[in-house]
Protein backbone atom coordinates (compact mmCIF):
# COMPACT_ATOMS: atom_id res chain seq x y z
CA UNK A 1 0.00 0.00 0.00
CA UNK A 2 1.08 3.58 -0.56
CA UNK A 3 0.79 6.89 1.24
CA UNK A 4 -2.49 7.84 2.92
CA UNK A 5 -3.86 11.36 3.11
CA UNK A 6 -4.15 12.74 6.65
CA UNK A 7 -6.04 15.67 8.16
CA UNK A 8 -4.30 19.05 8.03
CA UNK A 9 -5.20 22.72 7.97
CA UNK A 10 -3.83 26.15 7.20
CA UNK A 11 -4.78 29.33 9.01
CA UNK A 12 -3.64 31.51 6.09
CA UNK A 13 -5.78 32.25 3.05
CA UNK A 14 -2.78 32.43 0.73
CA UNK A 15 -1.38 29.00 1.66
CA UNK A 16 -3.02 25.74 0.64
CA UNK A 17 -1.89 22.49 2.24
CA UNK A 18 -2.28 18.76 2.07
CA UNK A 19 -0.43 16.00 3.92
CA UNK A 20 0.19 12.27 3.65
CA UNK A 21 1.64 9.59 5.88
CA UNK A 22 3.91 7.13 4.11
CA UNK A 23 4.18 3.41 4.91
CA UNK A 24 7.52 4.08 6.66
CA UNK A 25 5.77 6.50 9.07
CA UNK A 26 7.22 9.68 7.57
CA UNK A 27 4.83 12.54 6.91
CA UNK A 28 4.91 14.54 3.68
CA UNK A 29 3.31 17.99 3.85
CA UNK A 30 2.76 19.93 0.63
CA UNK A 31 2.39 23.71 0.83
CA UNK A 32 1.23 25.87 -2.10
CA UNK A 33 1.70 29.65 -2.07
CA UNK A 34 -0.60 31.20 -4.67
CA UNK A 35 0.38 34.77 -3.82
CA UNK A 36 3.06 37.15 -5.07
CA UNK A 37 4.70 37.58 -1.65
CA UNK A 38 7.03 35.54 0.59
CA UNK A 39 5.05 34.00 3.42
CA UNK A 40 6.77 32.90 6.60
CA UNK A 41 4.83 30.19 8.41
CA UNK A 42 5.17 27.61 11.14
CA UNK A 43 4.64 23.92 10.36
CA UNK A 44 3.40 22.19 13.52
CA UNK A 45 2.88 18.53 14.32
CA UNK A 46 2.58 16.71 17.63
CA UNK A 47 3.72 19.73 19.64
CA UNK A 48 6.83 20.35 17.52
CA UNK A 49 7.19 23.22 15.07
CA UNK A 50 9.48 24.31 12.25
CA UNK A 51 9.73 27.88 10.98
CA UNK A 52 9.63 27.94 7.18
CA UNK A 53 9.20 30.42 4.32
CA UNK A 54 7.11 29.86 1.23
CA UNK A 55 8.34 31.81 -1.79
CA UNK A 56 5.90 33.59 -4.13
CA UNK A 57 4.03 31.25 -6.49
CA UNK A 58 5.79 28.17 -5.12
CA UNK A 59 4.99 24.65 -4.04
CA UNK A 60 7.07 22.93 -1.36
CA UNK A 61 7.14 19.40 -0.04
CA UNK A 62 8.40 18.94 3.51
CA UNK A 63 9.10 15.41 4.75
CA UNK A 64 9.50 14.66 8.43
C-alpha atoms as a PDB file:
ATOM      1  CA  UNK A   1       0.000   0.000   0.000  1.00  0.00           C
ATOM      2  CA  UNK A   2       1.082   3.583  -0.560  1.00  0.00           C
ATOM      3  CA  UNK A   3       0.789   6.887   1.242  1.00  0.00           C
ATOM      4  CA  UNK A   4      -2.494   7.839   2.921  1.00  0.00           C
ATOM      5  CA  UNK A   5      -3.857  11.361   3.112  1.00  0.00           C
ATOM      6  CA  UNK A   6      -4.154  12.739   6.650  1.00  0.00           C
ATOM      7  CA  UNK A   7      -6.036  15.673   8.159  1.00  0.00           C
ATOM      8  CA  UNK A   8      -4.299  19.046   8.033  1.00  0.00           C
ATOM      9  CA  UNK A   9      -5.198  22.721   7.968  1.00  0.00           C
ATOM     10  CA  UNK A  10      -3.827  26.151   7.196  1.00  0.00           C
ATOM     11  CA  UNK A  11      -4.782  29.328   9.007  1.00  0.00           C
ATOM     12  CA  UNK A  12      -3.644  31.509   6.089  1.00  0.00           C
ATOM     13  CA  UNK A  13      -5.782  32.252   3.053  1.00  0.00           C
ATOM     14  CA  UNK A  14      -2.782  32.426   0.731  1.00  0.00           C
ATOM     15  CA  UNK A  15      -1.384  29.000   1.663  1.00  0.00           C
ATOM     16  CA  UNK A  16      -3.023  25.742   0.636  1.00  0.00           C
ATOM     17  CA  UNK A  17      -1.887  22.495   2.241  1.00  0.00           C
ATOM     18  CA  UNK A  18      -2.279  18.762   2.068  1.00  0.00           C
ATOM     19  CA  UNK A  19      -0.433  16.004   3.918  1.00  0.00           C
ATOM     20  CA  UNK A  20       0.186  12.271   3.650  1.00  0.00           C
ATOM     21  CA  UNK A  21       1.637   9.592   5.879  1.00  0.00           C
ATOM     22  CA  UNK A  22       3.911   7.130   4.115  1.00  0.00           C
ATOM     23  CA  UNK A  23       4.178   3.405   4.910  1.00  0.00           C
ATOM     24  CA  UNK A  24       7.522   4.078   6.655  1.00  0.00           C
ATOM     25  CA  UNK A  25       5.774   6.496   9.074  1.00  0.00           C
ATOM     26  CA  UNK A  26       7.216   9.684   7.569  1.00  0.00           C
ATOM     27  CA  UNK A  27       4.831  12.538   6.905  1.00  0.00           C
ATOM     28  CA  UNK A  28       4.915  14.545   3.683  1.00  0.00           C
ATOM     29  CA  UNK A  29       3.315  17.993   3.855  1.00  0.00           C
ATOM     30  CA  UNK A  30       2.760  19.929   0.627  1.00  0.00           C
ATOM     31  CA  UNK A  31       2.386  23.711   0.827  1.00  0.00           C
ATOM     32  CA  UNK A  32       1.230  25.867  -2.101  1.00  0.00           C
ATOM     33  CA  UNK A  33       1.703  29.646  -2.069  1.00  0.00           C
ATOM     34  CA  UNK A  34      -0.596  31.201  -4.668  1.00  0.00           C
ATOM     35  CA  UNK A  35       0.377  34.773  -3.815  1.00  0.00           C
ATOM     36  CA  UNK A  36       3.057  37.147  -5.065  1.00  0.00           C
ATOM     37  CA  UNK A  37       4.700  37.584  -1.645  1.00  0.00           C
ATOM     38  CA  UNK A  38       7.028  35.544   0.591  1.00  0.00           C
ATOM     39  CA  UNK A  39       5.049  34.002   3.418  1.00  0.00           C
ATOM     40  CA  UNK A  40       6.775  32.902   6.601  1.00  0.00           C
ATOM     41  CA  UNK A  41       4.825  30.190   8.408  1.00  0.00           C
ATOM     42  CA  UNK A  42       5.165  27.610  11.139  1.00  0.00           C
ATOM     43  CA  UNK A  43       4.643  23.923  10.362  1.00  0.00           C
ATOM     44  CA  UNK A  44       3.396  22.193  13.522  1.00  0.00           C
ATOM     45  CA  UNK A  45       2.879  18.526  14.323  1.00  0.00           C
ATOM     46  CA  UNK A  46       2.580  16.713  17.633  1.00  0.00           C
ATOM     47  CA  UNK A  47       3.719  19.733  19.645  1.00  0.00           C
ATOM     48  CA  UNK A  48       6.827  20.349  17.523  1.00  0.00           C
ATOM     49  CA  UNK A  49       7.194  23.222  15.072  1.00  0.00           C
ATOM     50  CA  UNK A  50       9.482  24.310  12.246  1.00  0.00           C
ATOM     51  CA  UNK A  51       9.733  27.883  10.975  1.00  0.00           C
ATOM     52  CA  UNK A  52       9.634  27.936   7.176  1.00  0.00           C
ATOM     53  CA  UNK A  53       9.199  30.420   4.318  1.00  0.00           C
ATOM     54  CA  UNK A  54       7.106  29.863   1.232  1.00  0.00           C
ATOM     55  CA  UNK A  55       8.344  31.809  -1.792  1.00  0.00           C
ATOM     56  CA  UNK A  56       5.905  33.587  -4.134  1.00  0.00           C
ATOM     57  CA  UNK A  57       4.030  31.253  -6.488  1.00  0.00           C
ATOM     58  CA  UNK A  58       5.786  28.172  -5.120  1.00  0.00           C
ATOM     59  CA  UNK A  59       4.985  24.651  -4.040  1.00  0.00           C
ATOM     60  CA  UNK A  60       7.068  22.935  -1.365  1.00  0.00           C
ATOM     61  CA  UNK A  61       7.137  19.396  -0.040  1.00  0.00           C
ATOM     62  CA  UNK A  62       8.397  18.939   3.512  1.00  0.00           C
ATOM     63  CA  UNK A  63       9.103  15.413   4.746  1.00  0.00           C
ATOM     64  CA  UNK A  64       9.496  14.659   8.432  1.00  0.00           C
END
